[in-house]
Amino acid sequence: MNRPYELGFIIPSSVSESETQGVIDTVRGWIEKLNGTVTNVDYWGRRRLAYPIEDYREGYYVFLRMDLAPNRVNDLEKNLQLSEQVIRHLVIRLDEK
C-alpha cells in the first residue's frame, strides 16, 4: 500500500538551470523504479541557502509529491545520498485524506 510523501531536495548551483530538468527526471525515475508515482512537481528555482553546504551558497529547490510504499523510502534516500547532483534532501510523510 502506497502512502503520500513529499520530497524536497536541493540541486547544487554548479548544475546549469537547463540541466536541472534532467536531475528531476532522474529522481522521478528512481521513484517510479521503486513502484511509486509522482503526483506533483513544484520547482522553486535558484535560491540562496540558509548556510553554506559543501561550499555552495545557492541551489535549485525542488519539491515532489509522491505515493510510495513505506518500505521503499529507505531505498530512495540511499539513491539521493549517493547522488552528486543532490546536496540535501528531506522526505516527509503527508497525512492521508
N, C-alpha and C. Protein backbone atom coordinates (compact mmCIF):
# COMPACT_ATOMS: atom_id res chain seq x y z
N MET A 1 0.83 -1.18 0.00
CA MET A 1 0.00 0.00 0.00
C MET A 1 0.88 1.25 0.00
N ASN A 2 0.68 2.10 -0.97
CA ASN A 2 1.46 3.33 -1.06
C ASN A 2 0.87 4.42 -0.18
N ARG A 3 1.75 5.24 0.35
CA ARG A 3 1.35 6.37 1.18
C ARG A 3 1.86 7.66 0.55
N PRO A 4 1.21 8.78 0.86
CA PRO A 4 1.66 10.05 0.28
C PRO A 4 2.88 10.61 1.03
N TYR A 5 3.86 11.08 0.27
CA TYR A 5 5.07 11.69 0.80
C TYR A 5 5.37 12.95 0.02
N GLU A 6 6.18 13.80 0.64
CA GLU A 6 6.73 14.95 -0.07
C GLU A 6 8.25 14.86 0.04
N LEU A 7 8.91 15.02 -1.08
CA LEU A 7 10.36 15.00 -1.14
C LEU A 7 10.84 16.39 -1.53
N GLY A 8 11.64 17.00 -0.70
CA GLY A 8 12.28 18.26 -1.03
C GLY A 8 13.76 18.02 -1.20
N PHE A 9 14.34 18.54 -2.26
CA PHE A 9 15.78 18.37 -2.45
C PHE A 9 16.37 19.61 -3.10
N ILE A 10 17.69 19.76 -2.92
CA ILE A 10 18.41 20.91 -3.44
C ILE A 10 19.46 20.41 -4.43
N ILE A 11 19.42 20.98 -5.63
CA ILE A 11 20.41 20.69 -6.66
C ILE A 11 21.48 21.77 -6.58
N PRO A 12 22.78 21.42 -6.59
CA PRO A 12 23.82 22.45 -6.45
C PRO A 12 23.80 23.46 -7.58
N SER A 13 24.29 24.66 -7.29
CA SER A 13 24.29 25.73 -8.27
C SER A 13 25.29 25.49 -9.40
N SER A 14 26.18 24.51 -9.25
CA SER A 14 27.12 24.18 -10.33
C SER A 14 26.41 23.52 -11.51
N VAL A 15 25.22 22.97 -11.27
CA VAL A 15 24.42 22.39 -12.34
C VAL A 15 23.67 23.53 -13.00
N SER A 16 23.73 23.61 -14.31
CA SER A 16 23.05 24.72 -15.00
C SER A 16 21.54 24.55 -14.91
N GLU A 17 20.84 25.66 -15.07
CA GLU A 17 19.38 25.62 -14.94
C GLU A 17 18.75 24.73 -16.00
N SER A 18 19.38 24.67 -17.18
CA SER A 18 18.83 23.80 -18.23
C SER A 18 19.04 22.32 -17.91
N GLU A 19 20.03 21.98 -17.10
CA GLU A 19 20.29 20.59 -16.74
C GLU A 19 19.49 20.14 -15.51
N THR A 20 18.84 21.08 -14.81
CA THR A 20 18.10 20.69 -13.61
C THR A 20 16.93 19.78 -13.95
N GLN A 21 16.32 19.95 -15.14
CA GLN A 21 15.21 19.08 -15.52
C GLN A 21 15.69 17.63 -15.65
N GLY A 22 16.92 17.43 -16.10
CA GLY A 22 17.48 16.08 -16.17
C GLY A 22 17.64 15.46 -14.80
N VAL A 23 18.05 16.26 -13.81
CA VAL A 23 18.19 15.76 -12.44
C VAL A 23 16.81 15.40 -11.88
N ILE A 24 15.82 16.26 -12.13
CA ILE A 24 14.46 15.99 -11.67
C ILE A 24 13.93 14.71 -12.31
N ASP A 25 14.19 14.52 -13.59
CA ASP A 25 13.76 13.30 -14.28
C ASP A 25 14.46 12.06 -13.71
N THR A 26 15.72 12.21 -13.32
CA THR A 26 16.45 11.09 -12.71
C THR A 26 15.81 10.69 -11.39
N VAL A 27 15.52 11.66 -10.54
CA VAL A 27 14.88 11.37 -9.25
C VAL A 27 13.49 10.77 -9.47
N ARG A 28 12.76 11.31 -10.43
CA ARG A 28 11.44 10.77 -10.76
C ARG A 28 11.56 9.31 -11.23
N GLY A 29 12.60 9.01 -12.00
CA GLY A 29 12.83 7.64 -12.45
C GLY A 29 13.12 6.69 -11.29
N TRP A 30 13.88 7.16 -10.29
CA TRP A 30 14.13 6.34 -9.11
C TRP A 30 12.82 6.01 -8.40
N ILE A 31 11.95 7.00 -8.27
CA ILE A 31 10.67 6.78 -7.59
C ILE A 31 9.82 5.78 -8.36
N GLU A 32 9.76 5.92 -9.68
CA GLU A 32 8.97 5.01 -10.49
C GLU A 32 9.57 3.60 -10.51
N LYS A 33 10.89 3.50 -10.43
CA LYS A 33 11.55 2.19 -10.36
C LYS A 33 11.20 1.46 -9.06
N LEU A 34 10.90 2.24 -8.02
CA LEU A 34 10.51 1.67 -6.72
C LEU A 34 9.00 1.49 -6.62
N ASN A 35 8.30 1.48 -7.76
CA ASN A 35 6.86 1.30 -7.86
C ASN A 35 6.07 2.42 -7.19
N GLY A 36 6.62 3.62 -7.23
CA GLY A 36 5.92 4.80 -6.73
C GLY A 36 5.46 5.66 -7.88
N THR A 37 4.66 6.67 -7.57
CA THR A 37 4.19 7.61 -8.59
C THR A 37 4.39 9.03 -8.09
N VAL A 38 4.81 9.91 -8.99
CA VAL A 38 4.96 11.33 -8.68
C VAL A 38 3.65 12.01 -9.06
N THR A 39 3.04 12.70 -8.10
CA THR A 39 1.75 13.34 -8.35
C THR A 39 1.88 14.83 -8.63
N ASN A 40 2.97 15.47 -8.18
CA ASN A 40 3.13 16.90 -8.40
C ASN A 40 4.61 17.27 -8.30
N VAL A 41 5.06 18.17 -9.18
CA VAL A 41 6.42 18.69 -9.14
C VAL A 41 6.33 20.20 -8.94
N ASP A 42 6.97 20.70 -7.90
CA ASP A 42 6.98 22.13 -7.61
C ASP A 42 8.43 22.60 -7.67
N TYR A 43 8.77 23.33 -8.73
CA TYR A 43 10.14 23.80 -8.95
C TYR A 43 10.24 25.25 -8.47
N TRP A 44 10.98 25.47 -7.40
CA TRP A 44 11.10 26.81 -6.83
C TRP A 44 12.20 27.62 -7.50
N GLY A 45 13.13 26.97 -8.16
CA GLY A 45 14.21 27.68 -8.83
C GLY A 45 15.40 27.94 -7.92
N ARG A 46 16.26 28.84 -8.38
CA ARG A 46 17.52 29.12 -7.69
C ARG A 46 17.26 30.03 -6.48
N ARG A 47 17.75 29.59 -5.33
CA ARG A 47 17.57 30.34 -4.08
C ARG A 47 18.88 30.33 -3.29
N ARG A 48 19.03 31.31 -2.45
CA ARG A 48 20.17 31.37 -1.55
C ARG A 48 19.95 30.39 -0.41
N LEU A 49 20.99 29.63 -0.06
CA LEU A 49 20.91 28.67 1.04
C LEU A 49 21.00 29.41 2.37
N ALA A 50 20.41 28.85 3.41
CA ALA A 50 20.46 29.44 4.74
C ALA A 50 21.88 29.41 5.30
N TYR A 51 22.65 28.40 4.91
CA TYR A 51 24.04 28.25 5.32
C TYR A 51 24.78 27.52 4.21
N PRO A 52 26.09 27.72 4.10
CA PRO A 52 26.84 27.05 3.02
C PRO A 52 26.83 25.52 3.19
N ILE A 53 26.62 24.84 2.09
CA ILE A 53 26.68 23.37 2.06
C ILE A 53 27.71 23.00 1.01
N GLU A 54 28.79 22.34 1.44
CA GLU A 54 29.86 21.92 0.52
C GLU A 54 30.31 23.08 -0.37
N ASP A 55 30.54 24.24 0.20
CA ASP A 55 31.00 25.45 -0.49
C ASP A 55 29.96 26.04 -1.44
N TYR A 56 28.73 25.57 -1.41
CA TYR A 56 27.67 26.16 -2.23
C TYR A 56 26.89 27.15 -1.38
N ARG A 57 26.59 28.30 -1.95
CA ARG A 57 25.78 29.30 -1.27
C ARG A 57 24.39 29.43 -1.90
N GLU A 58 24.21 28.82 -3.08
CA GLU A 58 22.93 28.82 -3.77
C GLU A 58 22.64 27.43 -4.31
N GLY A 59 21.37 27.16 -4.51
CA GLY A 59 20.97 25.88 -5.08
C GLY A 59 19.58 25.98 -5.68
N TYR A 60 19.20 24.97 -6.44
CA TYR A 60 17.88 24.90 -7.06
C TYR A 60 16.99 24.02 -6.18
N TYR A 61 15.90 24.59 -5.69
CA TYR A 61 14.99 23.89 -4.80
C TYR A 61 13.89 23.23 -5.62
N VAL A 62 13.61 21.95 -5.30
CA VAL A 62 12.57 21.18 -5.98
C VAL A 62 11.80 20.39 -4.93
N PHE A 63 10.47 20.38 -5.06
CA PHE A 63 9.62 19.60 -4.16
C PHE A 63 8.74 18.68 -5.00
N LEU A 64 8.73 17.40 -4.65
CA LEU A 64 7.92 16.40 -5.35
C LEU A 64 6.92 15.80 -4.38
N ARG A 65 5.67 15.72 -4.79
CA ARG A 65 4.69 14.95 -4.04
C ARG A 65 4.60 13.60 -4.72
N MET A 66 4.59 12.55 -3.91
CA MET A 66 4.64 11.22 -4.48
C MET A 66 3.87 10.25 -3.61
N ASP A 67 3.50 9.13 -4.20
CA ASP A 67 2.92 7.99 -3.48
C ASP A 67 3.94 6.88 -3.57
N LEU A 68 4.33 6.35 -2.39
CA LEU A 68 5.39 5.36 -2.34
C LEU A 68 5.14 4.43 -1.17
N ALA A 69 5.53 3.17 -1.32
CA ALA A 69 5.41 2.21 -0.23
C ALA A 69 6.40 2.58 0.89
N PRO A 70 5.97 2.50 2.14
CA PRO A 70 6.84 2.90 3.25
C PRO A 70 8.16 2.14 3.31
N ASN A 71 8.17 0.88 2.90
CA ASN A 71 9.41 0.10 2.95
C ASN A 71 10.38 0.45 1.82
N ARG A 72 9.97 1.31 0.89
CA ARG A 72 10.84 1.71 -0.23
C ARG A 72 11.47 3.09 -0.03
N VAL A 73 11.06 3.81 1.02
CA VAL A 73 11.58 5.15 1.27
C VAL A 73 13.09 5.10 1.54
N ASN A 74 13.54 4.11 2.28
CA ASN A 74 14.98 3.99 2.57
C ASN A 74 15.79 3.78 1.30
N ASP A 75 15.26 3.03 0.35
CA ASP A 75 15.96 2.82 -0.92
C ASP A 75 16.09 4.14 -1.69
N LEU A 76 15.02 4.93 -1.68
CA LEU A 76 15.06 6.23 -2.35
C LEU A 76 16.08 7.14 -1.68
N GLU A 77 16.10 7.16 -0.34
CA GLU A 77 17.04 8.02 0.37
C GLU A 77 18.49 7.60 0.12
N LYS A 78 18.75 6.30 -0.04
CA LYS A 78 20.11 5.85 -0.37
C LYS A 78 20.54 6.38 -1.72
N ASN A 79 19.64 6.33 -2.71
CA ASN A 79 19.95 6.88 -4.03
C ASN A 79 20.24 8.37 -3.96
N LEU A 80 19.46 9.11 -3.18
CA LEU A 80 19.65 10.55 -3.05
C LEU A 80 20.97 10.87 -2.35
N GLN A 81 21.34 10.09 -1.33
CA GLN A 81 22.59 10.33 -0.62
C GLN A 81 23.80 10.06 -1.49
N LEU A 82 23.70 9.08 -2.37
CA LEU A 82 24.82 8.73 -3.23
C LEU A 82 24.94 9.64 -4.45
N SER A 83 23.90 10.38 -4.74
CA SER A 83 23.91 11.25 -5.92
C SER A 83 24.75 12.49 -5.66
N GLU A 84 25.60 12.84 -6.62
CA GLU A 84 26.39 14.06 -6.53
C GLU A 84 25.60 15.27 -6.99
N GLN A 85 24.43 15.04 -7.56
CA GLN A 85 23.61 16.13 -8.08
C GLN A 85 22.54 16.58 -7.09
N VAL A 86 22.53 16.01 -5.89
CA VAL A 86 21.62 16.41 -4.83
C VAL A 86 22.45 16.66 -3.59
N ILE A 87 22.43 17.92 -3.08
CA ILE A 87 23.27 18.21 -1.92
C ILE A 87 22.52 18.08 -0.60
N ARG A 88 21.20 18.20 -0.60
CA ARG A 88 20.38 17.97 0.59
C ARG A 88 19.02 17.46 0.15
N HIS A 89 18.41 16.64 1.00
CA HIS A 89 17.06 16.15 0.72
C HIS A 89 16.32 15.90 2.02
N LEU A 90 15.01 15.87 1.94
CA LEU A 90 14.17 15.58 3.09
C LEU A 90 12.88 14.94 2.58
N VAL A 91 12.54 13.78 3.16
CA VAL A 91 11.30 13.08 2.82
C VAL A 91 10.36 13.20 4.02
N ILE A 92 9.15 13.66 3.76
CA ILE A 92 8.15 13.84 4.82
C ILE A 92 6.90 13.05 4.43
N ARG A 93 6.38 12.28 5.39
CA ARG A 93 5.12 11.57 5.14
C ARG A 93 3.96 12.53 5.36
N LEU A 94 3.07 12.61 4.40
CA LEU A 94 1.92 13.50 4.48
C LEU A 94 0.73 12.77 5.11
N ASP A 95 -0.18 13.52 5.69
CA ASP A 95 -1.40 12.93 6.24
C ASP A 95 -2.26 12.43 5.10
N GLU A 96 -2.86 11.27 5.31
CA GLU A 96 -3.78 10.74 4.31
C GLU A 96 -5.13 11.40 4.51
N LYS A 97 -5.75 11.77 3.40
CA LYS A 97 -7.03 12.49 3.49
C LYS A 97 -8.20 11.55 3.43
